[in-house]
């Protein structure tokens, strides 16, 4: 685990140290995800947030099911019945 002390400026901004941005793969202009967990703030990049979301979803889906194909099939079925 890495720790770094930082100050919040008068505009409420926090500078993320360059080494941390590099470890997270964050570049100027990138969007990040801020998540509150109890009394802690977690920052992650979109790539890692998507990886975490996919991992959560994957545990509820059978390995042989393609969600994209299932969704398209369901939508076509619904459209045909309209």
PDB file of N, CA and C in Angstrom:
ATOM      1  N   UNK A   1       0.847  -1.183   0.000  1.00  0.00           N
ATOM      2  CA  UNK A   1       0.000   0.000   0.000  1.00  0.00           C
ATOM      3  C   UNK A   1       0.883   1.233   0.000  1.00  0.00           C
ATOM      4  N   UNK A   2       0.453   2.237  -0.750  1.00  0.00           N
ATOM      5  CA  UNK A   2       1.195   3.481  -0.842  1.00  0.00           C
ATOM      6  C   UNK A   2       0.414   4.576  -0.130  1.00  0.00           C
ATOM      7  N   UNK A   3       1.122   5.471   0.513  1.00  0.00           N
ATOM      8  CA  UNK A   3       0.483   6.617   1.163  1.00  0.00           C
ATOM      9  C   UNK A   3       1.222   7.881   0.773  1.00  0.00           C
ATOM     10  N   UNK A   4       0.455   8.956   0.701  1.00  0.00           N
ATOM     11  CA  UNK A   4       1.026  10.251   0.361  1.00  0.00           C
ATOM     12  C   UNK A   4       0.165  11.322   1.012  1.00  0.00           C
ATOM     13  N   UNK A   5       0.784  12.276   1.640  1.00  0.00           N
ATOM     14  CA  UNK A   5       0.028  13.390   2.223  1.00  0.00           C
ATOM     15  C   UNK A   5      -0.137  14.463   1.168  1.00  0.00           C
ATOM     16  N   UNK A   6      -1.315  15.039   1.122  1.00  0.00           N
ATOM     17  CA  UNK A   6      -1.602  16.104   0.163  1.00  0.00           C
ATOM     18  C   UNK A   6      -2.541  17.103   0.818  1.00  0.00           C
ATOM     19  N   UNK A   7      -2.563  18.302   0.280  1.00  0.00           N
ATOM     20  CA  UNK A   7      -3.466  19.338   0.783  1.00  0.00           C
ATOM     21  C   UNK A   7      -4.522  19.657  -0.264  1.00  0.00           C
ATOM     22  N   UNK A   8      -5.688  19.974   0.225  1.00  0.00           N
ATOM     23  CA  UNK A   8      -6.779  20.423  -0.631  1.00  0.00           C
ATOM     24  C   UNK A   8      -6.610  21.933  -0.787  1.00  0.00           C
ATOM     25  N   UNK A   9      -6.632  22.429  -2.039  1.00  0.00           N
ATOM     26  CA  UNK A   9      -6.446  23.873  -2.209  1.00  0.00           C
ATOM     27  C   UNK A   9      -7.741  24.630  -1.926  1.00  0.00           C
ATOM     28  N   UNK A  10      -7.680  25.941  -2.057  1.00  0.00           N
ATOM     29  CA  UNK A  10      -8.834  26.776  -1.706  1.00  0.00           C
ATOM     30  C   UNK A  10     -10.044  26.531  -2.602  1.00  0.00           C
ATOM     31  N   UNK A  11      -9.838  25.942  -3.768  1.00  0.00           N
ATOM     32  CA  UNK A  11     -10.949  25.619  -4.665  1.00  0.00           C
ATOM     33  C   UNK A  11     -11.478  24.202  -4.445  1.00  0.00           C
ATOM     34  N   UNK A  12     -10.947  23.511  -3.427  1.00  0.00           N
ATOM     35  CA  UNK A  12     -11.384  22.152  -3.143  1.00  0.00           C
ATOM     36  C   UNK A  12     -10.721  21.108  -4.028  1.00  0.00           C
ATOM     37  N   UNK A  13      -9.640  21.483  -4.687  1.00  0.00           N
ATOM     38  CA  UNK A  13      -8.961  20.561  -5.600  1.00  0.00           C
ATOM     39  C   UNK A  13      -7.834  19.814  -4.904  1.00  0.00           C
ATOM     40  N   UNK A  14      -7.639  18.608  -5.373  1.00  0.00           N
ATOM     41  CA  UNK A  14      -6.584  17.746  -4.861  1.00  0.00           C
ATOM     42  C   UNK A  14      -5.710  17.343  -6.040  1.00  0.00           C
ATOM     43  N   UNK A  15      -4.414  17.463  -5.891  1.00  0.00           N
ATOM     44  CA  UNK A  15      -3.495  17.040  -6.938  1.00  0.00           C
ATOM     45  C   UNK A  15      -3.091  15.596  -6.655  1.00  0.00           C
ATOM     46  N   UNK A  16      -3.322  14.729  -7.636  1.00  0.00           N
ATOM     47  CA  UNK A  16      -2.907  13.328  -7.512  1.00  0.00           C
ATOM     48  C   UNK A  16      -1.445  13.267  -7.960  1.00  0.00           C
ATOM     49  N   UNK A  17      -0.557  12.795  -7.104  1.00  0.00           N
ATOM     50  CA  UNK A  17       0.862  12.743  -7.467  1.00  0.00           C
ATOM     51  C   UNK A  17       1.093  11.978  -8.775  1.00  0.00           C
ATOM     52  N   UNK A  18       2.088  12.406  -9.534  1.00  0.00           N
ATOM     53  CA  UNK A  18       2.387  11.808 -10.843  1.00  0.00           C
ATOM     54  C   UNK A  18       2.610  10.299 -10.752  1.00  0.00           C
ATOM     55  N   UNK A  19       3.305   9.846  -9.727  1.00  0.00           N
ATOM     56  CA  UNK A  19       3.564   8.402  -9.583  1.00  0.00           C
ATOM     57  C   UNK A  19       2.249   7.630  -9.445  1.00  0.00           C
ATOM     58  N   UNK A  20       1.287   8.185  -8.728  1.00  0.00           N
ATOM     59  CA  UNK A  20      -0.011   7.524  -8.551  1.00  0.00           C
ATOM     60  C   UNK A  20      -0.781   7.519  -9.868  1.00  0.00           C
ATOM     61  N   UNK A  21      -0.757   8.666 -10.583  1.00  0.00           N
ATOM     62  CA  UNK A  21      -1.439   8.730 -11.875  1.00  0.00           C
ATOM     63  C   UNK A  21      -0.848   7.701 -12.835  1.00  0.00           C
ATOM     64  N   UNK A  22       0.456   7.549 -12.791  1.00  0.00           N
ATOM     65  CA  UNK A  22       1.120   6.582 -13.664  1.00  0.00           C
ATOM     66  C   UNK A  22       0.702   5.163 -13.305  1.00  0.00           C
ATOM     67  N   UNK A  23       0.658   4.831 -12.014  1.00  0.00           N
ATOM     68  CA  UNK A  23       0.254   3.488 -11.580  1.00  0.00           C
ATOM     69  C   UNK A  23      -1.185   3.172 -11.996  1.00  0.00           C
ATOM     70  N   UNK A  24      -2.049   4.186 -11.957  1.00  0.00           N
ATOM     71  CA  UNK A  24      -3.452   3.994 -12.318  1.00  0.00           C
ATOM     72  C   UNK A  24      -3.709   4.141 -13.814  1.00  0.00           C
ATOM     73  N   UNK A  25      -2.709   4.628 -14.544  1.00  0.00           N
ATOM     74  CA  UNK A  25      -2.888   4.842 -15.976  1.00  0.00           C
ATOM     75  C   UNK A  25      -3.780   6.029 -16.269  1.00  0.00           C
ATOM     76  N   UNK A  26      -3.730   7.048 -15.420  1.00  0.00           N
ATOM     77  CA  UNK A  26      -4.566   8.243 -15.575  1.00  0.00           C
ATOM     78  C   UNK A  26      -3.745   9.335 -16.250  1.00  0.00           C
ATOM     79  N   UNK A  27      -4.331   9.916 -17.307  1.00  0.00           N
ATOM     80  CA  UNK A  27      -3.682  11.011 -18.029  1.00  0.00           C
ATOM     81  C   UNK A  27      -4.566  12.246 -17.955  1.00  0.00           C
ATOM     82  N   UNK A  28      -3.998  13.400 -18.252  1.00  0.00           N
ATOM     83  CA  UNK A  28      -4.762  14.659 -18.246  1.00  0.00           C
ATOM     84  C   UNK A  28      -5.990  14.515 -19.145  1.00  0.00           C
ATOM     85  N   UNK A  29      -7.130  14.909 -18.647  1.00  0.00           N
ATOM     86  CA  UNK A  29      -8.378  14.847 -19.398  1.00  0.00           C
ATOM     87  C   UNK A  29      -9.151  13.550 -19.238  1.00  0.00           C
ATOM     88  N   UNK A  30      -8.537  12.530 -18.639  1.00  0.00           N
ATOM     89  CA  UNK A  30      -9.230  11.252 -18.426  1.00  0.00           C
ATOM     90  C   UNK A  30     -10.341  11.419 -17.395  1.00  0.00           C
ATOM     91  N   UNK A  31     -11.389  10.614 -17.551  1.00  0.00           N
ATOM     92  CA  UNK A  31     -12.435  10.553 -16.532  1.00  0.00           C
ATOM     93  C   UNK A  31     -12.018   9.522 -15.498  1.00  0.00           C
ATOM     94  N   UNK A  32     -12.336   9.790 -14.247  1.00  0.00           N
ATOM     95  CA  UNK A  32     -12.064   8.843 -13.173  1.00  0.00           C
ATOM     96  C   UNK A  32     -13.359   8.575 -12.424  1.00  0.00           C
ATOM     97  N   UNK A  33     -13.361   7.492 -11.696  1.00  0.00           N
ATOM     98  CA  UNK A  33     -14.501   7.116 -10.859  1.00  0.00           C
ATOM     99  C   UNK A  33     -14.122   7.399  -9.411  1.00  0.00           C
ATOM    100  N   UNK A  34     -14.957   8.145  -8.709  1.00  0.00           N
ATOM    101  CA  UNK A  34     -14.767   8.407  -7.283  1.00  0.00           C
ATOM    102  C   UNK A  34     -15.807   7.585  -6.539  1.00  0.00           C
ATOM    103  N   UNK A  35     -15.366   6.835  -5.556  1.00  0.00           N
ATOM    104  CA  UNK A  35     -16.275   5.970  -4.809  1.00  0.00           C
ATOM    105  C   UNK A  35     -16.036   6.164  -3.316  1.00  0.00           C
ATOM    106  N   UNK A  36     -17.106   6.386  -2.590  1.00  0.00           N
ATOM    107  CA  UNK A  36     -17.025   6.494  -1.134  1.00  0.00           C
ATOM    108  C   UNK A  36     -17.265   5.123  -0.536  1.00  0.00           C
ATOM    109  N   UNK A  37     -16.406   4.739   0.398  1.00  0.00           N
ATOM    110  CA  UNK A  37     -16.532   3.471   1.101  1.00  0.00           C
ATOM    111  C   UNK A  37     -16.300   3.784   2.568  1.00  0.00           C
ATOM    112  N   UNK A  38     -17.419   3.765   3.314  1.00  0.00           N
ATOM    113  CA  UNK A  38     -17.358   4.193   4.718  1.00  0.00           C
ATOM    114  C   UNK A  38     -16.866   5.639   4.745  1.00  0.00           C
ATOM    115  N   UNK A  39     -15.692   5.863   5.319  1.00  0.00           N
ATOM    116  CA  UNK A  39     -15.173   7.229   5.414  1.00  0.00           C
ATOM    117  C   UNK A  39     -13.937   7.430   4.531  1.00  0.00           C
ATOM    118  N   UNK A  40     -13.821   6.625   3.470  1.00  0.00           N
ATOM    119  CA  UNK A  40     -12.673   6.709   2.585  1.00  0.00           C
ATOM    120  C   UNK A  40     -13.108   6.979   1.156  1.00  0.00           C
ATOM    121  N   UNK A  41     -12.288   7.733   0.442  1.00  0.00           N
ATOM    122  CA  UNK A  41     -12.522   8.034  -0.965  1.00  0.00           C
ATOM    123  C   UNK A  41     -11.584   7.173  -1.800  1.00  0.00           C
ATOM    124  N   UNK A  42     -12.138   6.471  -2.784  1.00  0.00           N
ATOM    125  CA  UNK A  42     -11.350   5.630  -3.679  1.00  0.00           C
ATOM    126  C   UNK A  42     -11.422   6.224  -5.080  1.00  0.00           C
ATOM    127  N   UNK A  43     -10.305   6.261  -5.765  1.00  0.00           N
ATOM    128  CA  UNK A  43     -10.232   6.793  -7.122  1.00  0.00           C
ATOM    129  C   UNK A  43      -9.746   5.678  -8.034  1.00  0.00           C
ATOM    130  N   UNK A  44     -10.440   5.465  -9.142  1.00  0.00           N
ATOM    131  CA  UNK A  44      -9.974   4.482 -10.120  1.00  0.00           C
ATOM    132  C   UNK A  44     -10.232   5.012 -11.520  1.00  0.00           C
ATOM    133  N   UNK A  45      -9.530   4.436 -12.482  1.00  0.00           N
ATOM    134  CA  UNK A  45      -9.763   4.848 -13.859  1.00  0.00           C
ATOM    135  C   UNK A  45     -10.928   4.034 -14.425  1.00  0.00           C
ATOM    136  N   UNK A  46     -11.419   4.439 -15.584  1.00  0.00           N
ATOM    137  CA  UNK A  46     -12.572   3.775 -16.185  1.00  0.00           C
ATOM    138  C   UNK A  46     -12.256   2.318 -16.532  1.00  0.00           C
ATOM    139  N   UNK A  47     -11.048   2.043 -17.008  1.00  0.00           N
ATOM    140  CA  UNK A  47     -10.664   0.681 -17.384  1.00  0.00           C
ATOM    141  C   UNK A  47     -10.790  -0.265 -16.196  1.00  0.00           C
ATOM    142  N   UNK A  48     -10.256   0.139 -15.045  1.00  0.00           N
ATOM    143  CA  UNK A  48     -10.324  -0.711 -13.857  1.00  0.00           C
ATOM    144  C   UNK A  48     -11.747  -0.823 -13.322  1.00  0.00           C
ATOM    145  N   UNK A  49     -12.520   0.248 -13.419  1.00  0.00           N
ATOM    146  CA  UNK A  49     -13.912   0.201 -12.973  1.00  0.00           C
ATOM    147  C   UNK A  49     -14.712  -0.775 -13.835  1.00  0.00           C
ATOM    148  N   UNK A  50     -14.483  -0.753 -15.161  1.00  0.00           N
ATOM    149  CA  UNK A  50     -15.170  -1.685 -16.052  1.00  0.00           C
ATOM    150  C   UNK A  50     -14.741  -3.130 -15.779  1.00  0.00           C
ATOM    151  N   UNK A  51     -13.459  -3.321 -15.518  1.00  0.00           N
ATOM    152  CA  UNK A  51     -12.951  -4.662 -15.208  1.00  0.00           C
ATOM    153  C   UNK A  51     -13.632  -5.197 -13.948  1.00  0.00           C
ATOM    154  N   UNK A  52     -13.779  -4.330 -12.944  1.00  0.00           N
ATOM    155  CA  UNK A  52     -14.424  -4.728 -11.691  1.00  0.00           C
ATOM    156  C   UNK A  52     -15.909  -5.046 -11.927  1.00  0.00           C
ATOM    157  N   UNK A  53     -16.582  -4.228 -12.752  1.00  0.00           N
ATOM    158  CA  UNK A  53     -17.998  -4.461 -13.049  1.00  0.00           C
ATOM    159  C   UNK A  53     -18.196  -5.764 -13.808  1.00  0.00           C
ATOM    160  N   UNK A  54     -17.326  -6.024 -14.791  1.00  0.00           N
ATOM    161  CA  UNK A  54     -17.432  -7.271 -15.543  1.00  0.00           C
ATOM    162  C   UNK A  54     -17.244  -8.482 -14.644  1.00  0.00           C
ATOM    163  N   UNK A  55     -16.322  -8.375 -13.712  1.00  0.00           N
ATOM    164  CA  UNK A  55     -16.067  -9.481 -12.782  1.00  0.00           C
ATOM    165  C   UNK A  55     -17.303  -9.743 -11.918  1.00  0.00           C
ATOM    166  N   UNK A  56     -17.968  -8.671 -11.470  1.00  0.00           N
ATOM    167  CA  UNK A  56     -19.183  -8.827 -10.670  1.00  0.00           C
ATOM    168  C   UNK A  56     -20.298  -9.482 -11.475  1.00  0.00           C
ATOM    169  N   UNK A  57     -20.491  -9.036 -12.711  1.00  0.00           N
ATOM    170  CA  UNK A  57     -21.554  -9.583 -13.554  1.00  0.00           C
ATOM    171  C   UNK A  57     -21.266 -11.035 -13.920  1.00  0.00           C
ATOM    172  N   UNK A  58     -20.012 -11.335 -14.194  1.00  0.00           N
ATOM    173  CA  UNK A  58     -19.622 -12.668 -14.649  1.00  0.00           C
ATOM    174  C   UNK A  58     -20.004 -13.775 -13.669  1.00  0.00           C
ATOM    175  N   UNK A  59     -20.016 -13.462 -12.391  1.00  0.00           N
ATOM    176  CA  UNK A  59     -20.343 -14.499 -11.407  1.00  0.00           C
ATOM    177  C   UNK A  59     -21.809 -14.923 -11.457  1.00  0.00           C
ATOM    178  N   UNK A  60     -22.658 -14.162 -12.149  1.00  0.00           N
ATOM    179  CA  UNK A  60     -24.073 -14.486 -12.233  1.00  0.00           C
ATOM    180  C   UNK A  60     -24.483 -15.051 -13.590  1.00  0.00           C
ATOM    181  N   UNK A  61     -23.521 -15.247 -14.485  1.00  0.00           N
ATOM    182  CA  UNK A  61     -23.827 -15.677 -15.845  1.00  0.00           C
ATOM    183  C   UNK A  61     -23.132 -16.998 -16.153  1.00  0.00           C
ATOM    184  N   UNK A  62     -23.859 -17.882 -16.820  1.00  0.00           N
ATOM    185  CA  UNK A  62     -23.257 -19.143 -17.238  1.00  0.00           C
ATOM    186  C   UNK A  62     -22.197 -18.867 -18.296  1.00  0.00           C
ATOM    187  N   UNK A  63     -21.124 -19.642 -18.284  1.00  0.00           N
ATOM    188  CA  UNK A  63     -19.991 -19.428 -19.185  1.00  0.00           C
ATOM    189  C   UNK A  63     -20.375 -19.528 -20.659  1.00  0.00           C
ATOM    190  N   UNK A  64     -21.362 -20.353 -20.994  1.00  0.00           N
ATOM    191  CA  UNK A  64     -21.721 -20.570 -22.401  1.00  0.00           C
ATOM    192  C   UNK A  64     -22.761 -19.577 -22.930  1.00  0.00           C
ATOM    193  N   UNK A  65     -23.125 -18.572 -22.135  1.00  0.00           N
ATOM    194  CA  UNK A  65     -24.134 -17.599 -22.555  1.00  0.00           C
ATOM    195  C   UNK A  65     -23.452 -16.310 -23.013  1.00  0.00           C
ATOM    196  N   UNK A  66     -23.872 -15.829 -24.203  1.00  0.00           N
ATOM    197  CA  UNK A  66     -23.375 -14.566 -24.730  1.00  0.00           C
ATOM    198  C   UNK A  66     -24.452 -13.521 -24.460  1.00  0.00           C
ATOM    199  N   UNK A  67     -24.186 -12.595 -23.556  1.00  0.00           N
ATOM    200  CA  UNK A  67     -25.193 -11.602 -23.171  1.00  0.00           C
ATOM    201  C   UNK A  67     -25.622 -10.715 -24.328  1.00  0.00           C
ATOM    202  N   UNK A  68     -24.689 -10.351 -25.181  1.00  0.00           N
ATOM    203  CA  UNK A  68     -25.023  -9.494 -26.318  1.00  0.00           C
ATOM    204  C   UNK A  68     -26.011 -10.188 -27.238  1.00  0.00           C
ATOM    205  N   UNK A  69     -25.709 -11.431 -27.582  1.00  0.00           N
ATOM    206  CA  UNK A  69     -26.614 -12.186 -28.453  1.00  0.00           C
ATOM    207  C   UNK A  69     -27.973 -12.398 -27.794  1.00  0.00           C
ATOM    208  N   UNK A  70     -27.986 -12.666 -26.502  1.00  0.00           N
ATOM    209  CA  UNK A  70     -29.250 -12.847 -25.776  1.00  0.00           C
ATOM    210  C   UNK A  70     -30.090 -11.578 -25.803  1.00  0.00           C
ATOM    211  N   UNK A  71     -29.446 -10.440 -25.591  1.00  0.00           N
ATOM    212  CA  UNK A  71     -30.163  -9.166 -25.602  1.00  0.00           C
ATOM    213  C   UNK A  71     -30.733  -8.874 -26.983  1.00  0.00           C
ATOM    214  N   UNK A  72     -29.942  -9.057 -28.026  1.00  0.00           N
ATOM    215  CA  UNK A  72     -30.416  -8.814 -29.390  1.00  0.00           C
ATOM    216  C   UNK A  72     -31.595  -9.728 -29.710  1.00  0.00           C
ATOM    217  N   UNK A  73     -31.484 -10.994 -29.346  1.00  0.00           N
ATOM    218  CA  UNK A  73     -32.557 -11.954 -29.594  1.00  0.00           C
ATOM    219  C   UNK A  73     -33.846 -11.520 -28.884  1.00  0.00           C
ATOM    220  N   UNK A  74     -33.718 -11.115 -27.616  1.00  0.00           N
ATOM    221  CA  UNK A  74     -34.885 -10.659 -26.849  1.00  0.00           C
ATOM    222  C   UNK A  74     -35.512  -9.418 -27.473  1.00  0.00           C
ATOM    223  N   UNK A  75     -34.689  -8.464 -27.894  1.00  0.00           N
ATOM    224  CA  UNK A  75     -35.213  -7.227 -28.498  1.00  0.00           C
ATOM    225  C   UNK A  75     -35.926  -7.511 -29.815  1.00  0.00           C
ATOM    226  N   UNK A  76     -35.364  -8.404 -30.609  1.00  0.00           N
ATOM    227  CA  UNK A  76     -36.018  -8.760 -31.880  1.00  0.00           C
ATOM    228  C   UNK A  76     -37.351  -9.447 -31.631  1.00  0.00           C
ATOM    229  N   UNK A  77     -37.385 -10.281 -30.610  1.00  0.00           N
ATOM    230  CA  UNK A  77     -38.625 -10.973 -30.248  1.00  0.00           C
ATOM    231  C   UNK A  77     -39.681  -9.970 -29.813  1.00  0.00           C
ATOM    232  N   UNK A  78     -39.281  -8.998 -28.992  1.00  0.00           N
ATOM    233  CA  UNK A  78     -40.213  -7.965 -28.527  1.00  0.00           C
ATOM    234  C   UNK A  78     -40.694  -7.112 -29.698  1.00  0.00           C
ATOM    235  N   UNK A  79     -39.779  -6.750 -30.598  1.00  0.00           N
ATOM    236  CA  UNK A  79     -40.151  -5.925 -31.753  1.00  0.00           C
ATOM    237  C   UNK A  79     -41.121  -6.656 -32.673  1.00  0.00           C
ATOM    238  N   UNK A  80     -40.929  -7.949 -32.823  1.00  0.00           N
ATOM    239  CA  UNK A  80     -41.808  -8.743 -33.681  1.00  0.00           C
ATOM    240  C   UNK A  80     -43.218  -8.841 -33.111  1.00  0.00           C
ATOM    241  N   UNK A  81     -43.339  -8.775 -31.797  1.00  0.00           N
ATOM    242  CA  UNK A  81     -44.659  -8.910 -31.192  1.00  0.00           C
ATOM    243  C   UNK A  81     -45.404  -7.582 -31.080  1.00  0.00           C
ATOM    244  N   UNK A  82     -44.775  -6.498 -31.504  1.00  0.00           N
ATOM    245  CA  UNK A  82     -45.438  -5.183 -31.431  1.00  0.00           C
ATOM    246  C   UNK A  82     -46.329  -4.929 -32.612  1.00  0.00           C
TER     247      UNK A  82
END
